[in-house]
Structure formats: C-alpha cells, structure tokens
N, C-alpha and C. Protein backbone atom coordinates (compact mmCIF):
# COMPACT_ATOMS: atom_id res chain seq x y z
N MET A 1 -27.12 21.70 32.92
CA MET A 1 -25.83 21.22 32.47
C MET A 1 -25.45 21.97 31.19
N THR A 2 -24.23 22.45 31.16
CA THR A 2 -23.71 23.16 30.00
C THR A 2 -22.81 22.24 29.20
N SER A 3 -23.06 22.15 27.90
CA SER A 3 -22.20 21.40 26.98
C SER A 3 -21.62 22.39 26.00
N ASP A 4 -20.41 22.10 25.51
CA ASP A 4 -19.77 23.04 24.60
C ASP A 4 -18.66 22.33 23.84
N LEU A 5 -18.18 22.99 22.80
CA LEU A 5 -17.02 22.56 22.03
C LEU A 5 -15.80 23.26 22.61
N LEU A 6 -14.76 22.51 22.90
CA LEU A 6 -13.53 23.08 23.46
C LEU A 6 -12.35 22.69 22.60
N LYS A 7 -11.37 23.58 22.55
CA LYS A 7 -10.09 23.28 21.91
C LYS A 7 -9.05 23.20 23.01
N ILE A 8 -8.29 22.10 23.01
CA ILE A 8 -7.28 21.87 24.04
C ILE A 8 -5.93 22.37 23.52
N ASP A 9 -5.29 23.24 24.29
CA ASP A 9 -4.02 23.85 23.88
C ASP A 9 -2.79 23.17 24.46
N ARG A 10 -2.90 22.72 25.73
CA ARG A 10 -1.73 22.16 26.41
C ARG A 10 -2.21 21.30 27.56
N LEU A 11 -1.25 20.69 28.28
CA LEU A 11 -1.57 19.92 29.47
C LEU A 11 -1.15 20.69 30.71
N ALA A 12 -1.94 20.57 31.76
CA ALA A 12 -1.64 21.21 33.04
C ALA A 12 -0.77 20.28 33.88
N LEU A 13 -0.33 20.80 35.02
CA LEU A 13 0.58 20.09 35.90
C LEU A 13 0.10 18.68 36.26
N LYS A 14 -1.17 18.50 36.52
CA LYS A 14 -1.68 17.18 36.90
C LYS A 14 -2.15 16.37 35.69
N GLY A 15 -1.97 16.89 34.49
CA GLY A 15 -2.30 16.14 33.29
C GLY A 15 -3.61 16.48 32.62
N ASP A 16 -4.43 17.34 33.23
CA ASP A 16 -5.67 17.75 32.56
C ASP A 16 -5.33 18.57 31.33
N GLY A 17 -6.17 18.44 30.29
CA GLY A 17 -6.05 19.32 29.15
C GLY A 17 -6.48 20.72 29.55
N VAL A 18 -5.82 21.72 28.98
CA VAL A 18 -6.16 23.12 29.25
C VAL A 18 -6.58 23.75 27.94
N GLY A 19 -7.75 24.34 27.95
CA GLY A 19 -8.24 24.96 26.73
C GLY A 19 -9.26 26.03 27.03
N ARG A 20 -10.09 26.28 26.02
CA ARG A 20 -11.14 27.30 26.14
C ARG A 20 -12.42 26.75 25.52
N ALA A 21 -13.53 27.07 26.17
CA ALA A 21 -14.84 26.71 25.63
C ALA A 21 -15.27 27.81 24.68
N GLN A 22 -15.98 27.44 23.61
CA GLN A 22 -16.45 28.45 22.66
C GLN A 22 -17.32 29.49 23.35
N SER A 23 -18.13 29.06 24.32
CA SER A 23 -19.06 29.99 24.99
C SER A 23 -18.36 30.88 26.02
N GLU A 24 -17.15 30.51 26.45
CA GLU A 24 -16.42 31.27 27.48
C GLU A 24 -14.95 31.39 27.09
N PRO A 25 -14.64 32.06 25.99
CA PRO A 25 -13.25 32.08 25.52
C PRO A 25 -12.27 32.78 26.46
N ALA A 26 -12.76 33.60 27.38
CA ALA A 26 -11.86 34.30 28.29
C ALA A 26 -11.52 33.48 29.53
N LYS A 27 -12.23 32.38 29.76
CA LYS A 27 -12.04 31.58 30.96
C LYS A 27 -11.29 30.29 30.62
N VAL A 28 -10.32 29.94 31.47
CA VAL A 28 -9.57 28.70 31.29
C VAL A 28 -10.46 27.51 31.62
N ALA A 29 -10.37 26.47 30.79
CA ALA A 29 -11.14 25.24 30.99
C ALA A 29 -10.18 24.07 31.18
N PHE A 30 -10.40 23.28 32.23
CA PHE A 30 -9.60 22.09 32.50
C PHE A 30 -10.43 20.86 32.14
N VAL A 31 -9.85 19.96 31.35
CA VAL A 31 -10.57 18.78 30.89
C VAL A 31 -9.65 17.56 30.99
N PRO A 32 -9.94 16.63 31.91
CA PRO A 32 -9.10 15.44 32.00
C PRO A 32 -9.24 14.56 30.76
N TYR A 33 -8.23 13.72 30.52
CA TYR A 33 -8.24 12.72 29.45
C TYR A 33 -8.34 13.33 28.06
N THR A 34 -7.76 14.52 27.91
CA THR A 34 -7.68 15.16 26.60
C THR A 34 -6.22 15.47 26.31
N LEU A 35 -5.94 15.81 25.04
CA LEU A 35 -4.58 16.06 24.60
C LEU A 35 -4.49 17.36 23.81
N PRO A 36 -3.31 17.99 23.82
CA PRO A 36 -3.14 19.22 23.04
C PRO A 36 -3.50 19.00 21.56
N GLY A 37 -4.21 20.01 21.02
CA GLY A 37 -4.62 19.97 19.62
C GLY A 37 -6.00 19.37 19.40
N GLU A 38 -6.58 18.77 20.42
CA GLU A 38 -7.89 18.13 20.23
C GLU A 38 -9.02 19.15 20.31
N LYS A 39 -10.07 18.85 19.56
CA LYS A 39 -11.34 19.55 19.70
C LYS A 39 -12.32 18.53 20.23
N ILE A 40 -12.98 18.89 21.33
CA ILE A 40 -13.85 17.94 22.01
C ILE A 40 -15.18 18.58 22.37
N PHE A 41 -16.19 17.74 22.49
CA PHE A 41 -17.44 18.16 23.10
C PHE A 41 -17.36 17.71 24.55
N ALA A 42 -17.74 18.59 25.47
CA ALA A 42 -17.63 18.26 26.89
C ALA A 42 -18.78 18.89 27.65
N ASP A 43 -18.99 18.36 28.85
CA ASP A 43 -20.02 18.88 29.76
C ASP A 43 -19.33 19.53 30.95
N LYS A 44 -19.82 20.72 31.32
CA LYS A 44 -19.25 21.43 32.46
C LYS A 44 -19.68 20.75 33.75
N ILE A 45 -18.70 20.50 34.64
CA ILE A 45 -19.00 19.87 35.92
C ILE A 45 -18.69 20.79 37.10
N GLU A 46 -17.96 21.89 36.83
CA GLU A 46 -17.64 22.85 37.89
C GLU A 46 -17.39 24.21 37.25
N ASP A 47 -17.92 25.24 37.87
CA ASP A 47 -17.75 26.60 37.34
C ASP A 47 -17.24 27.51 38.45
N ARG A 48 -16.09 28.09 38.24
CA ARG A 48 -15.49 29.02 39.19
C ARG A 48 -15.31 30.37 38.50
N LYS A 49 -14.87 31.36 39.27
CA LYS A 49 -14.71 32.71 38.74
C LYS A 49 -13.70 32.75 37.58
N ASN A 50 -12.53 32.11 37.76
CA ASN A 50 -11.47 32.21 36.76
C ASN A 50 -11.26 30.97 35.91
N TYR A 51 -11.96 29.88 36.24
CA TYR A 51 -11.78 28.65 35.47
C TYR A 51 -13.03 27.78 35.59
N SER A 52 -13.07 26.78 34.73
CA SER A 52 -14.15 25.79 34.79
C SER A 52 -13.54 24.41 34.57
N ARG A 53 -14.27 23.38 35.02
CA ARG A 53 -13.84 21.98 34.83
C ARG A 53 -14.91 21.29 33.99
N TRP A 54 -14.45 20.44 33.10
CA TRP A 54 -15.33 19.77 32.15
C TRP A 54 -15.00 18.28 32.12
N ILE A 55 -15.94 17.48 31.61
CA ILE A 55 -15.71 16.05 31.40
C ILE A 55 -16.03 15.75 29.92
N PRO A 56 -15.12 15.07 29.23
CA PRO A 56 -15.34 14.81 27.79
C PRO A 56 -16.61 14.00 27.54
N ARG A 57 -17.29 14.35 26.45
CA ARG A 57 -18.46 13.60 25.99
C ARG A 57 -18.18 12.96 24.64
N ASP A 58 -17.37 13.65 23.81
CA ASP A 58 -17.03 13.12 22.48
C ASP A 58 -15.77 13.83 21.99
N ILE A 59 -14.93 13.11 21.29
CA ILE A 59 -13.71 13.68 20.72
C ILE A 59 -14.02 13.97 19.25
N LYS A 60 -14.15 15.26 18.91
CA LYS A 60 -14.48 15.64 17.54
C LYS A 60 -13.25 15.52 16.64
N GLU A 61 -12.11 16.05 17.09
CA GLU A 61 -10.84 15.96 16.35
C GLU A 61 -9.77 15.44 17.31
N PRO A 62 -9.47 14.12 17.25
CA PRO A 62 -8.48 13.56 18.18
C PRO A 62 -7.05 13.96 17.82
N SER A 63 -6.20 13.96 18.81
CA SER A 63 -4.77 14.17 18.60
C SER A 63 -4.19 12.92 17.96
N LEU A 64 -3.12 13.09 17.19
CA LEU A 64 -2.42 11.95 16.63
C LEU A 64 -1.78 11.10 17.73
N ALA A 65 -1.60 11.69 18.92
CA ALA A 65 -1.01 10.98 20.04
C ALA A 65 -2.03 10.13 20.80
N ARG A 66 -3.32 10.27 20.49
CA ARG A 66 -4.36 9.55 21.22
C ARG A 66 -4.37 8.07 20.83
N ILE A 67 -4.46 7.22 21.85
CA ILE A 67 -4.61 5.79 21.63
C ILE A 67 -5.82 5.30 22.43
N ILE A 68 -6.27 4.10 22.13
CA ILE A 68 -7.34 3.49 22.91
C ILE A 68 -6.69 2.96 24.19
N PRO A 69 -7.15 3.38 25.35
CA PRO A 69 -6.54 2.91 26.60
C PRO A 69 -6.62 1.38 26.68
N PRO A 70 -5.49 0.72 26.96
CA PRO A 70 -5.51 -0.74 27.04
C PRO A 70 -6.25 -1.26 28.27
N CYS A 71 -6.37 -0.46 29.30
CA CYS A 71 -7.04 -0.89 30.53
C CYS A 71 -8.55 -0.68 30.38
N PRO A 72 -9.34 -1.72 30.65
CA PRO A 72 -10.80 -1.58 30.52
C PRO A 72 -11.42 -0.70 31.60
N TYR A 73 -10.65 -0.32 32.62
CA TYR A 73 -11.16 0.51 33.71
C TYR A 73 -10.79 1.99 33.53
N HIS A 74 -9.96 2.30 32.53
CA HIS A 74 -9.53 3.67 32.27
C HIS A 74 -10.63 4.42 31.54
N PHE A 75 -10.69 5.73 31.75
CA PHE A 75 -11.68 6.56 31.06
C PHE A 75 -11.50 6.45 29.55
N ASP A 76 -12.57 6.14 28.86
CA ASP A 76 -12.56 6.09 27.40
C ASP A 76 -13.94 6.54 26.94
N VAL A 77 -13.99 7.67 26.23
CA VAL A 77 -15.27 8.25 25.81
C VAL A 77 -16.11 7.23 25.05
N SER A 78 -15.49 6.42 24.18
CA SER A 78 -16.26 5.48 23.38
C SER A 78 -16.94 4.41 24.24
N ARG A 79 -16.38 4.08 25.39
CA ARG A 79 -17.00 3.10 26.28
C ARG A 79 -18.13 3.69 27.11
N LEU A 80 -18.18 5.02 27.19
CA LEU A 80 -19.13 5.67 28.09
C LEU A 80 -20.22 6.45 27.37
N LYS A 81 -20.36 6.26 26.06
CA LYS A 81 -21.33 7.06 25.30
C LYS A 81 -22.77 6.83 25.75
N ASN A 82 -23.07 5.65 26.29
CA ASN A 82 -24.45 5.40 26.71
C ASN A 82 -24.76 5.97 28.10
N ILE A 83 -23.76 6.60 28.73
CA ILE A 83 -23.97 7.23 30.04
C ILE A 83 -24.10 8.73 29.80
N SER A 84 -25.32 9.26 29.94
CA SER A 84 -25.56 10.65 29.59
C SER A 84 -25.20 11.63 30.71
N SER A 85 -25.30 11.20 31.94
CA SER A 85 -25.04 12.11 33.06
C SER A 85 -23.54 12.35 33.23
N PRO A 86 -23.10 13.62 33.25
CA PRO A 86 -21.68 13.90 33.46
C PRO A 86 -21.15 13.35 34.77
N ASP A 87 -21.98 13.38 35.83
CA ASP A 87 -21.53 12.86 37.12
C ASP A 87 -21.33 11.36 37.06
N GLU A 88 -22.25 10.64 36.40
CA GLU A 88 -22.07 9.19 36.26
C GLU A 88 -20.83 8.90 35.41
N ARG A 89 -20.64 9.64 34.34
CA ARG A 89 -19.48 9.45 33.47
C ARG A 89 -18.19 9.72 34.23
N ARG A 90 -18.25 10.68 35.12
CA ARG A 90 -17.08 11.10 35.89
C ARG A 90 -16.64 10.04 36.90
N PHE A 91 -17.57 9.30 37.47
CA PHE A 91 -17.25 8.35 38.53
C PHE A 91 -17.40 6.89 38.10
N HIS A 92 -17.48 6.65 36.83
CA HIS A 92 -17.73 5.30 36.31
C HIS A 92 -16.43 4.54 36.02
N TYR A 93 -15.31 5.14 36.21
CA TYR A 93 -14.04 4.53 35.83
C TYR A 93 -13.01 4.71 36.93
N CYS A 94 -11.94 3.96 36.83
CA CYS A 94 -10.87 3.95 37.84
C CYS A 94 -10.07 5.25 37.77
N GLY A 95 -9.69 5.73 38.93
CA GLY A 95 -8.87 6.94 38.99
C GLY A 95 -7.40 6.65 39.21
N GLY A 96 -6.98 5.39 39.03
CA GLY A 96 -5.58 5.03 39.28
C GLY A 96 -4.61 5.57 38.25
N CYS A 97 -5.00 5.64 37.00
CA CYS A 97 -4.11 6.11 35.92
C CYS A 97 -4.78 7.26 35.17
N ASP A 98 -3.99 8.24 34.79
CA ASP A 98 -4.56 9.39 34.08
C ASP A 98 -4.09 9.50 32.63
N TRP A 99 -3.08 8.72 32.24
CA TRP A 99 -2.42 8.98 30.95
C TRP A 99 -2.45 7.82 29.98
N GLN A 100 -3.34 6.86 30.14
CA GLN A 100 -3.36 5.72 29.22
C GLN A 100 -3.99 6.06 27.87
N HIS A 101 -4.51 7.24 27.69
CA HIS A 101 -5.08 7.63 26.41
C HIS A 101 -4.02 8.18 25.45
N MET A 102 -2.75 8.09 25.88
CA MET A 102 -1.63 8.49 25.01
C MET A 102 -0.56 7.41 25.12
N GLY A 103 0.25 7.28 24.09
CA GLY A 103 1.34 6.32 24.12
C GLY A 103 2.41 6.73 25.12
N ALA A 104 3.27 5.78 25.49
CA ALA A 104 4.31 6.03 26.49
C ALA A 104 5.29 7.11 26.03
N GLN A 105 5.68 7.09 24.75
CA GLN A 105 6.62 8.11 24.25
C GLN A 105 6.01 9.49 24.29
N GLU A 106 4.75 9.60 23.89
CA GLU A 106 4.07 10.89 23.93
C GLU A 106 3.92 11.35 25.38
N GLY A 107 3.61 10.41 26.28
CA GLY A 107 3.49 10.75 27.70
C GLY A 107 4.78 11.33 28.25
N SER A 108 5.92 10.73 27.88
CA SER A 108 7.21 11.25 28.34
C SER A 108 7.45 12.66 27.80
N LYS A 109 7.09 12.88 26.54
CA LYS A 109 7.27 14.22 25.94
C LYS A 109 6.39 15.24 26.66
N PHE A 110 5.12 14.88 26.91
CA PHE A 110 4.22 15.80 27.59
C PHE A 110 4.69 16.08 29.01
N LYS A 111 5.23 15.09 29.70
CA LYS A 111 5.74 15.30 31.06
C LYS A 111 6.91 16.30 31.05
N ALA A 112 7.80 16.15 30.08
CA ALA A 112 8.92 17.10 29.97
C ALA A 112 8.40 18.51 29.67
N ASP A 113 7.40 18.61 28.80
CA ASP A 113 6.79 19.92 28.49
C ASP A 113 6.19 20.55 29.73
N ILE A 114 5.53 19.75 30.57
CA ILE A 114 4.90 20.27 31.79
C ILE A 114 5.96 20.77 32.76
N VAL A 115 7.06 20.03 32.92
CA VAL A 115 8.14 20.47 33.80
C VAL A 115 8.71 21.79 33.31
N LEU A 116 8.99 21.88 32.02
CA LEU A 116 9.54 23.10 31.44
C LEU A 116 8.59 24.29 31.63
N GLU A 117 7.32 24.09 31.31
CA GLU A 117 6.36 25.18 31.45
C GLU A 117 6.21 25.61 32.91
N THR A 118 6.22 24.65 33.84
CA THR A 118 6.10 24.97 35.26
C THR A 118 7.29 25.80 35.74
N LEU A 119 8.49 25.41 35.32
CA LEU A 119 9.68 26.17 35.71
C LEU A 119 9.66 27.59 35.13
N GLN A 120 9.13 27.72 33.91
CA GLN A 120 9.05 29.04 33.28
C GLN A 120 7.94 29.89 33.89
N ARG A 121 6.74 29.31 33.97
CA ARG A 121 5.57 30.06 34.41
C ARG A 121 5.60 30.37 35.89
N ILE A 122 5.85 29.38 36.73
CA ILE A 122 5.82 29.57 38.18
C ILE A 122 7.18 30.00 38.71
N GLY A 123 8.23 29.40 38.19
CA GLY A 123 9.58 29.71 38.69
C GLY A 123 10.19 30.95 38.08
N GLY A 124 9.63 31.43 36.95
CA GLY A 124 10.17 32.63 36.30
C GLY A 124 11.52 32.40 35.64
N LEU A 125 11.87 31.16 35.39
CA LEU A 125 13.15 30.83 34.77
C LEU A 125 13.01 30.81 33.25
N GLU A 126 14.08 31.20 32.57
CA GLU A 126 14.04 31.24 31.11
C GLU A 126 15.24 30.51 30.53
N ASN A 127 15.15 30.24 29.22
CA ASN A 127 16.23 29.58 28.47
C ASN A 127 16.67 28.29 29.14
N LEU A 128 15.71 27.45 29.46
CA LEU A 128 15.98 26.19 30.12
C LEU A 128 15.99 25.04 29.12
N ARG A 129 16.66 23.99 29.51
CA ARG A 129 16.61 22.75 28.76
C ARG A 129 16.27 21.66 29.76
N VAL A 130 15.24 20.89 29.45
CA VAL A 130 14.82 19.80 30.32
C VAL A 130 15.34 18.51 29.71
N ASN A 131 16.03 17.72 30.53
CA ASN A 131 16.54 16.44 30.04
C ASN A 131 15.39 15.51 29.69
N GLU A 132 15.69 14.54 28.87
CA GLU A 132 14.70 13.55 28.48
C GLU A 132 14.23 12.79 29.72
N VAL A 133 12.95 12.46 29.75
CA VAL A 133 12.38 11.72 30.86
C VAL A 133 12.95 10.30 30.86
N ILE A 134 13.36 9.84 32.03
CA ILE A 134 13.85 8.47 32.15
C ILE A 134 12.66 7.60 32.50
N ALA A 135 12.22 6.83 31.53
CA ALA A 135 11.02 6.02 31.70
C ALA A 135 11.40 4.56 31.97
N SER A 136 10.46 3.84 32.51
CA SER A 136 10.65 2.41 32.71
C SER A 136 10.81 1.75 31.34
N PRO A 137 11.60 0.70 31.24
CA PRO A 137 11.70 -0.01 29.97
C PRO A 137 10.40 -0.72 29.59
N GLN A 138 9.48 -0.88 30.56
CA GLN A 138 8.20 -1.51 30.31
C GLN A 138 7.09 -0.48 30.37
N ASP A 139 6.15 -0.54 29.44
CA ASP A 139 5.00 0.37 29.47
C ASP A 139 4.01 -0.04 30.55
N PHE A 140 3.96 -1.34 30.88
CA PHE A 140 3.02 -1.84 31.89
C PHE A 140 3.73 -2.83 32.80
N ARG A 141 3.09 -3.10 33.94
CA ARG A 141 3.61 -4.04 34.94
C ARG A 141 4.93 -3.58 35.53
N TYR A 142 5.10 -2.27 35.72
CA TYR A 142 6.36 -1.71 36.18
C TYR A 142 6.36 -1.29 37.65
N ARG A 143 5.20 -1.11 38.26
CA ARG A 143 5.17 -0.64 39.65
C ARG A 143 5.34 -1.80 40.60
N ASN A 144 6.07 -1.57 41.69
CA ASN A 144 6.22 -2.63 42.67
C ASN A 144 5.38 -2.36 43.92
N LYS A 145 4.64 -1.25 43.93
CA LYS A 145 3.80 -0.95 45.09
C LYS A 145 2.59 -0.13 44.64
N VAL A 146 1.43 -0.55 45.09
CA VAL A 146 0.21 0.24 44.93
C VAL A 146 -0.58 0.12 46.23
N GLN A 147 -1.40 1.10 46.50
CA GLN A 147 -2.28 1.05 47.66
C GLN A 147 -3.71 0.86 47.17
N VAL A 148 -4.28 -0.26 47.52
CA VAL A 148 -5.61 -0.61 47.07
C VAL A 148 -6.58 -0.45 48.24
N PRO A 149 -7.52 0.49 48.13
CA PRO A 149 -8.49 0.66 49.22
C PRO A 149 -9.52 -0.48 49.23
N PHE A 150 -9.98 -0.81 50.42
CA PHE A 150 -11.02 -1.81 50.61
C PHE A 150 -12.25 -1.12 51.17
N GLY A 151 -13.40 -1.67 50.87
CA GLY A 151 -14.65 -1.13 51.39
C GLY A 151 -15.71 -2.21 51.41
N ARG A 152 -16.93 -1.79 51.70
CA ARG A 152 -18.07 -2.73 51.72
C ARG A 152 -19.17 -2.20 50.82
N ASP A 153 -19.76 -3.13 50.11
CA ASP A 153 -20.97 -2.86 49.32
C ASP A 153 -22.03 -3.78 49.91
N GLY A 154 -22.74 -3.26 50.90
CA GLY A 154 -23.65 -4.12 51.66
C GLY A 154 -22.82 -5.10 52.48
N GLN A 155 -23.02 -6.39 52.27
CA GLN A 155 -22.25 -7.41 52.96
C GLN A 155 -21.01 -7.83 52.18
N LYS A 156 -20.87 -7.36 50.96
CA LYS A 156 -19.76 -7.76 50.10
C LYS A 156 -18.53 -6.88 50.34
N LEU A 157 -17.38 -7.51 50.49
CA LEU A 157 -16.11 -6.79 50.61
C LEU A 157 -15.65 -6.41 49.21
N THR A 158 -15.26 -5.14 49.01
CA THR A 158 -14.81 -4.67 47.71
C THR A 158 -13.38 -4.16 47.81
N ALA A 159 -12.67 -4.23 46.69
CA ALA A 159 -11.30 -3.70 46.59
C ALA A 159 -11.10 -3.17 45.18
N GLY A 160 -10.37 -2.09 45.07
CA GLY A 160 -10.11 -1.48 43.77
C GLY A 160 -9.43 -0.14 43.99
N PHE A 161 -9.51 0.74 43.01
CA PHE A 161 -9.02 2.10 43.17
C PHE A 161 -10.22 3.03 43.22
N TYR A 162 -10.01 4.20 43.79
CA TYR A 162 -11.09 5.18 43.86
C TYR A 162 -11.36 5.78 42.48
N ALA A 163 -12.63 6.03 42.21
CA ALA A 163 -12.99 6.83 41.04
C ALA A 163 -12.43 8.23 41.28
N PRO A 164 -12.11 8.97 40.22
CA PRO A 164 -11.53 10.31 40.40
C PRO A 164 -12.37 11.20 41.30
N GLU A 165 -11.69 11.92 42.19
CA GLU A 165 -12.30 12.91 43.06
C GLU A 165 -13.43 12.33 43.91
N SER A 166 -13.29 11.06 44.35
CA SER A 166 -14.34 10.46 45.16
C SER A 166 -13.73 9.38 46.06
N HIS A 167 -14.58 8.79 46.85
CA HIS A 167 -14.21 7.62 47.63
C HIS A 167 -15.04 6.41 47.19
N GLU A 168 -15.54 6.47 45.95
CA GLU A 168 -16.25 5.35 45.35
C GLU A 168 -15.21 4.37 44.81
N ILE A 169 -15.26 3.15 45.28
CA ILE A 169 -14.29 2.15 44.85
C ILE A 169 -14.73 1.53 43.53
N VAL A 170 -13.83 1.57 42.55
CA VAL A 170 -14.04 0.91 41.26
C VAL A 170 -13.28 -0.41 41.34
N GLU A 171 -14.04 -1.51 41.42
CA GLU A 171 -13.41 -2.82 41.53
C GLU A 171 -12.72 -3.19 40.22
N PHE A 172 -11.63 -3.95 40.33
CA PHE A 172 -10.96 -4.44 39.12
C PHE A 172 -10.46 -5.86 39.35
N ASP A 173 -10.33 -6.59 38.25
CA ASP A 173 -9.77 -7.94 38.30
C ASP A 173 -8.28 -7.92 38.11
N ASP A 174 -7.76 -6.89 37.46
CA ASP A 174 -6.35 -6.80 37.14
C ASP A 174 -5.99 -5.33 36.99
N CYS A 175 -4.77 -4.98 37.34
CA CYS A 175 -4.26 -3.62 37.15
C CYS A 175 -3.02 -3.72 36.28
N LEU A 176 -3.02 -3.06 35.15
CA LEU A 176 -1.92 -3.17 34.19
C LEU A 176 -0.60 -2.55 34.64
N VAL A 177 -0.63 -1.69 35.66
CA VAL A 177 0.63 -1.08 36.07
C VAL A 177 1.37 -1.89 37.13
N GLN A 178 0.69 -2.87 37.73
CA GLN A 178 1.36 -3.68 38.74
C GLN A 178 1.54 -5.12 38.24
N PRO A 179 2.59 -5.79 38.71
CA PRO A 179 2.81 -7.18 38.27
C PRO A 179 1.71 -8.11 38.72
C-alpha cells in the first residue's frame, strides 16, 4: 500500500478532488471527499498508466469550505481513523451522497465551476459565463424519490444504499436527503 501527501487543485466531473501526489507529480490523482486547496494524506487504491485513485486518511490542511458531514453514514475521515485498511475505509460508508463535506453554497459554486471547466476542456468553448446553480431552498429532505436496494445478510433482510463502487449494502435508519 502506498501512502502519500497530496495537494488538491480542483474537482472533477463526478466530484472527486484532482491533484498530485508528492511521489508522482506528473500523474493525475483522483481523491473522493476532498476539496480544492486541501493538503491530505491518502492511500493509493488504484494505479493506472496516466492516473491513480486514492482514499483520504487524514486532512492535513482543510479547505475553508469543509464542514463535518451531518449524515452519520457519509465518509468522514475523523470517524474512520481507527480503520487502517484503505479497502475497509473505502466500503465502510454510504455511497448515496458525495458532497456533504462541503456546505450547500460551496457545493453550488463547485458545480458551476465543473460545468464551466467541462465546457472549456472537453467542448473547446471559450469566454463562457455559467449561470448560478438553481438549488433547492432546503439543504436536506428535498428529494422525492430514491432507489433503495434490498439484500440479505444471512437470514436477515437488509436495506440501504450501496457503498461506493460496490454492491455492499450500507444499512441506514434515516437518509437526510429524503423526507
């Protein structure tokens, strides 16, 4: 397992932080649950020719936009410090929400930045202006539909959301995005 210090520069289309590891400055590193401007310690979970994927272990210098996720099932480094394995840390939390580690206003700003960057980088468009994101008036309890997978744990019926990149069901008593 490789651990390293990374600096996060921006957010990618799906919300992962994009940065560089000190040991591999020429390779792009994707790190979920991070924010631009942060310096983090992370563990490598995937290594490809042109990029790598990491999972946060500790936030050395947090962004001013970082908040403590209100949902107890959301990824939060401080809740997972006693889990040393990157794979366990990766699948120990709900994959339903990706952006609760930032406030709603910051999330809207980052979403607009991602749209603008995507249109410039992929679309080749320049001198664009992206309108302000139209957000729900409520930060939570705003969705009217979610799909909750069901499964079995032995003889027990389970329901929840999948852990990220898996079919492991993370059970929950409440979901903050649904009424």
